[in-house]
């Protein structure tokens, strides 16, 4: 019975927290250290919890935006706020829950910690975006599902990028970083896969590729993966940072 009550409470906390401020009574870390980082160097591309121990969280030299992306399980383009939360200010956060806890609870705990230490004021809103949507082509997608215990990897050889044991969302994340608008995964492919795709016709941030004669990414996605990139206008949920203190409160 206790477990049933706990699970029901977690559902309520999750539904409330994702639409704004964490609610009173949400789970919290037992101990947490929040410090300003050294800064310098790139902040990385995908926010990650660097401590895989159950009930632990660690991220270092990361901007506040990365912590928000991980805590609220959002995509790169779904957090808006002051420019300094993107790169300028870096932080080290190490925290431990009262006991072993699944990732969804750790995310809730991080939401509460960030709100408390940075005096966050947040709200949600929908914003219309011009997006590209990755959708199935005709026939079977040219990807191979992987079910072994090998390590996921990403590499390149000439114009092609090779994805090993990666979700399709890893590819759409790369495209979002390099195209001029977000790329959404609507392929329905839920596993992890091996696939390769020619990226020689893909520039950075919407700029022209180095080789003007290279095939476009729209062509190679269809040719190499039997998927399609379509242009659409779509409303997307955005987490807006109305206020955040650059200097977190002391541990």
C-alpha atoms as a PDB file:
ATOM      1  CA  UNK A   1       0.000   0.000   0.000  1.00  0.00           C
ATOM      2  CA  UNK A   2       2.809   2.411   0.824  1.00  0.00           C
ATOM      3  CA  UNK A   3       4.364   1.752  -2.563  1.00  0.00           C
ATOM      4  CA  UNK A   4       1.056   2.509  -4.297  1.00  0.00           C
ATOM      5  CA  UNK A   5       0.737   5.812  -2.438  1.00  0.00           C
ATOM      6  CA  UNK A   6       4.357   6.729  -3.282  1.00  0.00           C
ATOM      7  CA  UNK A   7       3.861   5.990  -6.986  1.00  0.00           C
ATOM      8  CA  UNK A   8       0.634   8.008  -7.107  1.00  0.00           C
ATOM      9  CA  UNK A   9       2.351  10.928  -5.379  1.00  0.00           C
ATOM     10  CA  UNK A  10       5.223  10.757  -7.844  1.00  0.00           C
ATOM     11  CA  UNK A  11       2.797  11.000 -10.765  1.00  0.00           C
ATOM     12  CA  UNK A  12       1.234  14.128  -9.236  1.00  0.00           C
ATOM     13  CA  UNK A  13       4.659  15.689  -8.580  1.00  0.00           C
ATOM     14  CA  UNK A  14       5.803  14.931 -12.119  1.00  0.00           C
ATOM     15  CA  UNK A  15       2.702  16.380 -13.791  1.00  0.00           C
ATOM     16  CA  UNK A  16       2.964  19.556 -11.710  1.00  0.00           C
ATOM     17  CA  UNK A  17       6.715  20.050 -11.961  1.00  0.00           C
ATOM     18  CA  UNK A  18       6.992  19.789 -15.727  1.00  0.00           C
ATOM     19  CA  UNK A  19       4.595  22.710 -16.197  1.00  0.00           C
ATOM     20  CA  UNK A  20       6.338  25.174 -13.889  1.00  0.00           C
ATOM     21  CA  UNK A  21       7.877  25.431 -10.450  1.00  0.00           C
ATOM     22  CA  UNK A  22       8.461  22.235  -8.445  1.00  0.00           C
ATOM     23  CA  UNK A  23       5.661  21.742  -5.934  1.00  0.00           C
ATOM     24  CA  UNK A  24       5.972  21.732  -2.159  1.00  0.00           C
ATOM     25  CA  UNK A  25       6.616  18.222  -0.898  1.00  0.00           C
ATOM     26  CA  UNK A  26       8.531  17.110  -4.004  1.00  0.00           C
ATOM     27  CA  UNK A  27      11.445  14.718  -3.290  1.00  0.00           C
ATOM     28  CA  UNK A  28      14.767  16.352  -2.435  1.00  0.00           C
ATOM     29  CA  UNK A  29      18.421  15.370  -2.285  1.00  0.00           C
ATOM     30  CA  UNK A  30      19.790  14.436   1.109  1.00  0.00           C
ATOM     31  CA  UNK A  31      23.056  16.312   0.483  1.00  0.00           C
ATOM     32  CA  UNK A  32      24.042  18.585  -2.394  1.00  0.00           C
ATOM     33  CA  UNK A  33      27.000  20.768  -3.341  1.00  0.00           C
ATOM     34  CA  UNK A  34      26.407  23.630  -5.792  1.00  0.00           C
ATOM     35  CA  UNK A  35      29.465  25.689  -6.736  1.00  0.00           C
ATOM     36  CA  UNK A  36      30.538  28.032  -9.491  1.00  0.00           C
ATOM     37  CA  UNK A  37      32.722  26.203 -12.002  1.00  0.00           C
ATOM     38  CA  UNK A  38      36.019  27.225 -13.548  1.00  0.00           C
ATOM     39  CA  UNK A  39      34.500  27.921 -16.951  1.00  0.00           C
ATOM     40  CA  UNK A  40      36.367  27.903 -20.239  1.00  0.00           C
ATOM     41  CA  UNK A  41      36.134  25.332 -22.967  1.00  0.00           C
ATOM     42  CA  UNK A  42      32.977  24.107 -24.656  1.00  0.00           C
ATOM     43  CA  UNK A  43      30.148  23.094 -22.330  1.00  0.00           C
ATOM     44  CA  UNK A  44      29.493  19.914 -24.324  1.00  0.00           C
ATOM     45  CA  UNK A  45      26.539  19.065 -26.475  1.00  0.00           C
ATOM     46  CA  UNK A  46      24.165  16.810 -24.507  1.00  0.00           C
ATOM     47  CA  UNK A  47      23.689  17.305 -20.742  1.00  0.00           C
ATOM     48  CA  UNK A  48      24.510  14.089 -18.864  1.00  0.00           C
ATOM     49  CA  UNK A  49      24.374  12.827 -15.311  1.00  0.00           C
ATOM     50  CA  UNK A  50      28.012  11.799 -14.916  1.00  0.00           C
ATOM     51  CA  UNK A  51      27.374   9.613 -11.841  1.00  0.00           C
ATOM     52  CA  UNK A  52      25.553   6.426 -12.774  1.00  0.00           C
ATOM     53  CA  UNK A  53      25.214   5.215  -9.168  1.00  0.00           C
ATOM     54  CA  UNK A  54      21.527   4.880  -8.191  1.00  0.00           C
ATOM     55  CA  UNK A  55      20.426   7.961  -6.263  1.00  0.00           C
ATOM     56  CA  UNK A  56      23.439  10.080  -7.260  1.00  0.00           C
ATOM     57  CA  UNK A  57      23.832  13.091  -9.560  1.00  0.00           C
ATOM     58  CA  UNK A  58      26.945  14.873 -10.831  1.00  0.00           C
ATOM     59  CA  UNK A  59      27.595  17.394 -13.580  1.00  0.00           C
ATOM     60  CA  UNK A  60      30.627  19.673 -13.773  1.00  0.00           C
ATOM     61  CA  UNK A  61      31.572  22.894 -15.553  1.00  0.00           C
ATOM     62  CA  UNK A  62      28.113  23.096 -17.127  1.00  0.00           C
ATOM     63  CA  UNK A  63      25.944  26.184 -17.716  1.00  0.00           C
ATOM     64  CA  UNK A  64      22.629  26.519 -15.898  1.00  0.00           C
ATOM     65  CA  UNK A  65      20.790  25.813 -19.150  1.00  0.00           C
ATOM     66  CA  UNK A  66      22.293  22.298 -19.287  1.00  0.00           C
ATOM     67  CA  UNK A  67      21.037  21.548 -15.783  1.00  0.00           C
ATOM     68  CA  UNK A  68      17.562  22.733 -16.735  1.00  0.00           C
ATOM     69  CA  UNK A  69      17.570  20.627 -19.892  1.00  0.00           C
ATOM     70  CA  UNK A  70      18.442  17.503 -17.913  1.00  0.00           C
ATOM     71  CA  UNK A  71      16.195  18.240 -14.930  1.00  0.00           C
ATOM     72  CA  UNK A  72      13.103  18.851 -17.063  1.00  0.00           C
ATOM     73  CA  UNK A  73      14.066  16.310 -19.782  1.00  0.00           C
ATOM     74  CA  UNK A  74      13.890  18.901 -22.572  1.00  0.00           C
ATOM     75  CA  UNK A  75      15.451  19.311 -25.986  1.00  0.00           C
ATOM     76  CA  UNK A  76      18.128  21.916 -26.706  1.00  0.00           C
ATOM     77  CA  UNK A  77      15.691  24.474 -28.150  1.00  0.00           C
ATOM     78  CA  UNK A  78      13.099  24.194 -25.354  1.00  0.00           C
ATOM     79  CA  UNK A  79      14.734  26.476 -22.757  1.00  0.00           C
ATOM     80  CA  UNK A  80      14.646  30.261 -23.120  1.00  0.00           C
ATOM     81  CA  UNK A  81      16.048  32.907 -20.791  1.00  0.00           C
ATOM     82  CA  UNK A  82      18.952  35.295 -20.193  1.00  0.00           C
ATOM     83  CA  UNK A  83      21.994  34.771 -22.420  1.00  0.00           C
ATOM     84  CA  UNK A  84      24.289  34.027 -19.465  1.00  0.00           C
ATOM     85  CA  UNK A  85      22.505  30.736 -18.681  1.00  0.00           C
ATOM     86  CA  UNK A  86      23.678  29.315 -22.039  1.00  0.00           C
ATOM     87  CA  UNK A  87      27.477  29.417 -21.788  1.00  0.00           C
ATOM     88  CA  UNK A  88      28.989  32.267 -19.738  1.00  0.00           C
ATOM     89  CA  UNK A  89      28.460  31.040 -16.183  1.00  0.00           C
ATOM     90  CA  UNK A  90      29.438  27.455 -15.271  1.00  0.00           C
ATOM     91  CA  UNK A  91      28.559  25.374 -12.223  1.00  0.00           C
ATOM     92  CA  UNK A  92      29.543  22.119 -10.525  1.00  0.00           C
ATOM     93  CA  UNK A  93      26.714  20.194  -8.881  1.00  0.00           C
ATOM     94  CA  UNK A  94      27.169  16.959  -6.945  1.00  0.00           C
ATOM     95  CA  UNK A  95      24.204  15.526  -5.050  1.00  0.00           C
ATOM     96  CA  UNK A  96      22.989  12.379  -3.328  1.00  0.00           C
ATOM     97  CA  UNK A  97      19.447  11.184  -2.639  1.00  0.00           C
ATOM     98  CA  UNK A  98      18.455   9.605   0.717  1.00  0.00           C
ATOM     99  CA  UNK A  99      18.736   6.209  -0.976  1.00  0.00           C
ATOM    100  CA  UNK A 100      18.733   4.512  -4.393  1.00  0.00           C
ATOM    101  CA  UNK A 101      16.323   6.315  -6.702  1.00  0.00           C
ATOM    102  CA  UNK A 102      15.322   6.005 -10.379  1.00  0.00           C
ATOM    103  CA  UNK A 103      16.226   8.697 -12.883  1.00  0.00           C
ATOM    104  CA  UNK A 104      12.768  10.298 -12.952  1.00  0.00           C
ATOM    105  CA  UNK A 105      13.006  10.988  -9.209  1.00  0.00           C
ATOM    106  CA  UNK A 106      16.540  12.374  -9.577  1.00  0.00           C
ATOM    107  CA  UNK A 107      15.230  14.789 -12.194  1.00  0.00           C
ATOM    108  CA  UNK A 108      12.533  15.996  -9.757  1.00  0.00           C
ATOM    109  CA  UNK A 109      15.144  16.410  -7.022  1.00  0.00           C
ATOM    110  CA  UNK A 110      17.336  18.454  -9.361  1.00  0.00           C
ATOM    111  CA  UNK A 111      14.380  20.674 -10.259  1.00  0.00           C
ATOM    112  CA  UNK A 112      13.835  21.430  -6.567  1.00  0.00           C
ATOM    113  CA  UNK A 113      17.572  21.999  -5.970  1.00  0.00           C
ATOM    114  CA  UNK A 114      17.952  24.424  -8.880  1.00  0.00           C
ATOM    115  CA  UNK A 115      14.845  26.363  -7.843  1.00  0.00           C
ATOM    116  CA  UNK A 116      16.109  26.708  -4.272  1.00  0.00           C
ATOM    117  CA  UNK A 117      19.767  27.512  -4.920  1.00  0.00           C
ATOM    118  CA  UNK A 118      19.336  29.804  -7.954  1.00  0.00           C
ATOM    119  CA  UNK A 119      16.036  31.373  -6.786  1.00  0.00           C
ATOM    120  CA  UNK A 120      14.506  30.360 -10.100  1.00  0.00           C
ATOM    121  CA  UNK A 121      11.287  31.802 -11.433  1.00  0.00           C
ATOM    122  CA  UNK A 122       9.983  29.775 -14.369  1.00  0.00           C
ATOM    123  CA  UNK A 123       6.938  29.485 -16.536  1.00  0.00           C
ATOM    124  CA  UNK A 124       5.789  27.383 -19.483  1.00  0.00           C
ATOM    125  CA  UNK A 125       4.466  28.644 -22.782  1.00  0.00           C
ATOM    126  CA  UNK A 126       3.876  27.370 -26.299  1.00  0.00           C
ATOM    127  CA  UNK A 127       5.800  28.925 -29.152  1.00  0.00           C
ATOM    128  CA  UNK A 128       5.316  28.387 -32.877  1.00  0.00           C
ATOM    129  CA  UNK A 129       8.493  27.083 -34.484  1.00  0.00           C
ATOM    130  CA  UNK A 130       9.487  26.469 -38.057  1.00  0.00           C
ATOM    131  CA  UNK A 131      10.758  22.901 -37.786  1.00  0.00           C
ATOM    132  CA  UNK A 132      11.903  19.954 -39.827  1.00  0.00           C
ATOM    133  CA  UNK A 133      10.167  16.675 -39.035  1.00  0.00           C
ATOM    134  CA  UNK A 134      11.897  13.337 -39.632  1.00  0.00           C
ATOM    135  CA  UNK A 135       9.246  10.888 -40.825  1.00  0.00           C
ATOM    136  CA  UNK A 136       9.169   7.426 -42.433  1.00  0.00           C
ATOM    137  CA  UNK A 137       9.725   7.125 -46.184  1.00  0.00           C
ATOM    138  CA  UNK A 138       8.234   4.485 -48.438  1.00  0.00           C
ATOM    139  CA  UNK A 139       9.144   0.999 -47.313  1.00  0.00           C
ATOM    140  CA  UNK A 140      11.362  -0.128 -44.447  1.00  0.00           C
ATOM    141  CA  UNK A 141      13.789   2.380 -42.854  1.00  0.00           C
ATOM    142  CA  UNK A 142      17.426   1.547 -43.597  1.00  0.00           C
ATOM    143  CA  UNK A 143      18.459   1.149 -39.939  1.00  0.00           C
ATOM    144  CA  UNK A 144      19.407  -2.006 -38.023  1.00  0.00           C
ATOM    145  CA  UNK A 145      18.151  -2.429 -34.475  1.00  0.00           C
ATOM    146  CA  UNK A 146      20.848  -3.375 -31.937  1.00  0.00           C
ATOM    147  CA  UNK A 147      20.079  -5.471 -28.866  1.00  0.00           C
ATOM    148  CA  UNK A 148      23.559  -6.544 -27.722  1.00  0.00           C
ATOM    149  CA  UNK A 149      25.499  -5.055 -24.793  1.00  0.00           C
ATOM    150  CA  UNK A 150      28.077  -3.176 -26.887  1.00  0.00           C
ATOM    151  CA  UNK A 151      28.932   0.461 -26.179  1.00  0.00           C
ATOM    152  CA  UNK A 152      27.112   3.127 -28.144  1.00  0.00           C
ATOM    153  CA  UNK A 153      29.397   5.163 -30.409  1.00  0.00           C
ATOM    154  CA  UNK A 154      29.399   7.805 -33.112  1.00  0.00           C
ATOM    155  CA  UNK A 155      32.114   8.143 -35.743  1.00  0.00           C
ATOM    156  CA  UNK A 156      32.895   9.197 -39.258  1.00  0.00           C
ATOM    157  CA  UNK A 157      34.689   8.007 -42.355  1.00  0.00           C
ATOM    158  CA  UNK A 158      34.858  10.480 -45.214  1.00  0.00           C
ATOM    159  CA  UNK A 159      31.488  12.108 -45.865  1.00  0.00           C
ATOM    160  CA  UNK A 160      29.525   9.545 -43.855  1.00  0.00           C
ATOM    161  CA  UNK A 161      28.675   9.570 -40.169  1.00  0.00           C
ATOM    162  CA  UNK A 162      28.285   6.176 -38.519  1.00  0.00           C
ATOM    163  CA  UNK A 163      25.873   5.773 -35.620  1.00  0.00           C
ATOM    164  CA  UNK A 164      26.232   2.616 -33.524  1.00  0.00           C
ATOM    165  CA  UNK A 165      23.551   1.653 -31.016  1.00  0.00           C
ATOM    166  CA  UNK A 166      22.042   5.135 -31.091  1.00  0.00           C
ATOM    167  CA  UNK A 167      18.418   6.282 -30.858  1.00  0.00           C
ATOM    168  CA  UNK A 168      17.067   8.243 -33.796  1.00  0.00           C
ATOM    169  CA  UNK A 169      16.828  11.222 -31.415  1.00  0.00           C
ATOM    170  CA  UNK A 170      20.652  11.365 -31.386  1.00  0.00           C
ATOM    171  CA  UNK A 171      20.566  11.976 -35.123  1.00  0.00           C
ATOM    172  CA  UNK A 172      17.818  14.609 -34.903  1.00  0.00           C
ATOM    173  CA  UNK A 173      19.799  16.323 -32.137  1.00  0.00           C
ATOM    174  CA  UNK A 174      22.815  16.545 -34.464  1.00  0.00           C
ATOM    175  CA  UNK A 175      20.629  17.901 -37.251  1.00  0.00           C
ATOM    176  CA  UNK A 176      19.101  20.504 -34.925  1.00  0.00           C
ATOM    177  CA  UNK A 177      22.586  21.755 -34.036  1.00  0.00           C
ATOM    178  CA  UNK A 178      23.636  22.016 -37.668  1.00  0.00           C
ATOM    179  CA  UNK A 179      20.491  23.155 -39.464  1.00  0.00           C
ATOM    180  CA  UNK A 180      18.650  26.460 -39.073  1.00  0.00           C
ATOM    181  CA  UNK A 181      15.716  25.074 -37.084  1.00  0.00           C
ATOM    182  CA  UNK A 182      14.747  22.247 -34.688  1.00  0.00           C
ATOM    183  CA  UNK A 183      14.412  18.735 -36.093  1.00  0.00           C
ATOM    184  CA  UNK A 184      11.727  16.543 -34.496  1.00  0.00           C
ATOM    185  CA  UNK A 185      11.718  12.752 -34.549  1.00  0.00           C
ATOM    186  CA  UNK A 186       8.360  11.421 -35.724  1.00  0.00           C
ATOM    187  CA  UNK A 187       9.651   8.171 -37.233  1.00  0.00           C
ATOM    188  CA  UNK A 188       8.079   5.940 -34.585  1.00  0.00           C
ATOM    189  CA  UNK A 189      11.435   4.141 -34.211  1.00  0.00           C
ATOM    190  CA  UNK A 190      11.806   3.566 -30.452  1.00  0.00           C
ATOM    191  CA  UNK A 191      14.915   1.353 -30.197  1.00  0.00           C
ATOM    192  CA  UNK A 192      18.653   1.906 -30.681  1.00  0.00           C
ATOM    193  CA  UNK A 193      20.137   1.342 -34.115  1.00  0.00           C
ATOM    194  CA  UNK A 194      23.148   1.084 -36.391  1.00  0.00           C
ATOM    195  CA  UNK A 195      22.949   3.379 -39.424  1.00  0.00           C
ATOM    196  CA  UNK A 196      25.084   5.676 -41.557  1.00  0.00           C
ATOM    197  CA  UNK A 197      24.292   8.811 -43.502  1.00  0.00           C
ATOM    198  CA  UNK A 198      26.219  11.169 -45.769  1.00  0.00           C
ATOM    199  CA  UNK A 199      26.567  14.571 -44.051  1.00  0.00           C
ATOM    200  CA  UNK A 200      28.813  16.233 -46.639  1.00  0.00           C
ATOM    201  CA  UNK A 201      25.990  18.499 -47.765  1.00  0.00           C
ATOM    202  CA  UNK A 202      25.240  19.667 -44.236  1.00  0.00           C
ATOM    203  CA  UNK A 203      26.686  22.980 -43.039  1.00  0.00           C
ATOM    204  CA  UNK A 204      26.607  24.375 -39.506  1.00  0.00           C
ATOM    205  CA  UNK A 205      23.832  26.531 -38.037  1.00  0.00           C
ATOM    206  CA  UNK A 206      22.114  26.830 -41.393  1.00  0.00           C
ATOM    207  CA  UNK A 207      25.268  27.879 -43.283  1.00  0.00           C
ATOM    208  CA  UNK A 208      26.258  26.477 -46.658  1.00  0.00           C
ATOM    209  CA  UNK A 209      28.357  23.268 -46.674  1.00  0.00           C
ATOM    210  CA  UNK A 210      32.070  23.412 -47.500  1.00  0.00           C
ATOM    211  CA  UNK A 211      31.454  21.389 -50.662  1.00  0.00           C
ATOM    212  CA  UNK A 212      28.761  23.187 -52.690  1.00  0.00           C
ATOM    213  CA  UNK A 213      28.425  20.157 -54.980  1.00  0.00           C
ATOM    214  CA  UNK A 214      27.665  17.720 -52.144  1.00  0.00           C
ATOM    215  CA  UNK A 215      24.165  16.200 -52.033  1.00  0.00           C
ATOM    216  CA  UNK A 216      21.813  17.931 -49.612  1.00  0.00           C
ATOM    217  CA  UNK A 217      20.929  16.366 -46.278  1.00  0.00           C
ATOM    218  CA  UNK A 218      17.336  16.079 -47.541  1.00  0.00           C
ATOM    219  CA  UNK A 219      18.591  13.878 -50.369  1.00  0.00           C
ATOM    220  CA  UNK A 220      20.926  11.715 -48.289  1.00  0.00           C
ATOM    221  CA  UNK A 221      18.409  11.136 -45.483  1.00  0.00           C
ATOM    222  CA  UNK A 222      16.039   9.684 -48.059  1.00  0.00           C
ATOM    223  CA  UNK A 223      18.735   7.826 -50.000  1.00  0.00           C
ATOM    224  CA  UNK A 224      20.729   6.398 -47.071  1.00  0.00           C
ATOM    225  CA  UNK A 225      18.016   5.918 -44.422  1.00  0.00           C
ATOM    226  CA  UNK A 226      14.770   5.735 -46.389  1.00  0.00           C
ATOM    227  CA  UNK A 227      13.409   8.487 -44.158  1.00  0.00           C
ATOM    228  CA  UNK A 228      12.236  11.990 -45.071  1.00  0.00           C
ATOM    229  CA  UNK A 229      12.796  15.493 -43.706  1.00  0.00           C
ATOM    230  CA  UNK A 230       9.718  17.668 -44.073  1.00  0.00           C
ATOM    231  CA  UNK A 231       9.345  21.384 -43.314  1.00  0.00           C
ATOM    232  CA  UNK A 232       6.446  22.325 -41.017  1.00  0.00           C
ATOM    233  CA  UNK A 233       5.205  24.947 -38.579  1.00  0.00           C
ATOM    234  CA  UNK A 234       4.515  23.478 -35.151  1.00  0.00           C
ATOM    235  CA  UNK A 235       3.785  24.718 -31.598  1.00  0.00           C
ATOM    236  CA  UNK A 236       6.377  23.534 -29.073  1.00  0.00           C
ATOM    237  CA  UNK A 237       6.364  23.744 -25.255  1.00  0.00           C
ATOM    238  CA  UNK A 238       9.076  26.098 -23.968  1.00  0.00           C
ATOM    239  CA  UNK A 239      10.424  26.486 -20.429  1.00  0.00           C
ATOM    240  CA  UNK A 240      11.117  30.193 -19.856  1.00  0.00           C
ATOM    241  CA  UNK A 241      13.537  31.391 -17.173  1.00  0.00           C
ATOM    242  CA  UNK A 242      12.058  34.665 -15.874  1.00  0.00           C
ATOM    243  CA  UNK A 243      14.667  35.063 -13.146  1.00  0.00           C
ATOM    244  CA  UNK A 244      17.784  33.240 -11.940  1.00  0.00           C
ATOM    245  CA  UNK A 245      20.539  34.317  -9.557  1.00  0.00           C
ATOM    246  CA  UNK A 246      24.022  33.963 -11.083  1.00  0.00           C
ATOM    247  CA  UNK A 247      25.511  33.187  -7.674  1.00  0.00           C
ATOM    248  CA  UNK A 248      23.853  30.118  -6.099  1.00  0.00           C
ATOM    249  CA  UNK A 249      23.167  30.101  -2.379  1.00  0.00           C
ATOM    250  CA  UNK A 250      25.815  28.459  -0.201  1.00  0.00           C
ATOM    251  CA  UNK A 251      25.906  24.732   0.453  1.00  0.00           C
END
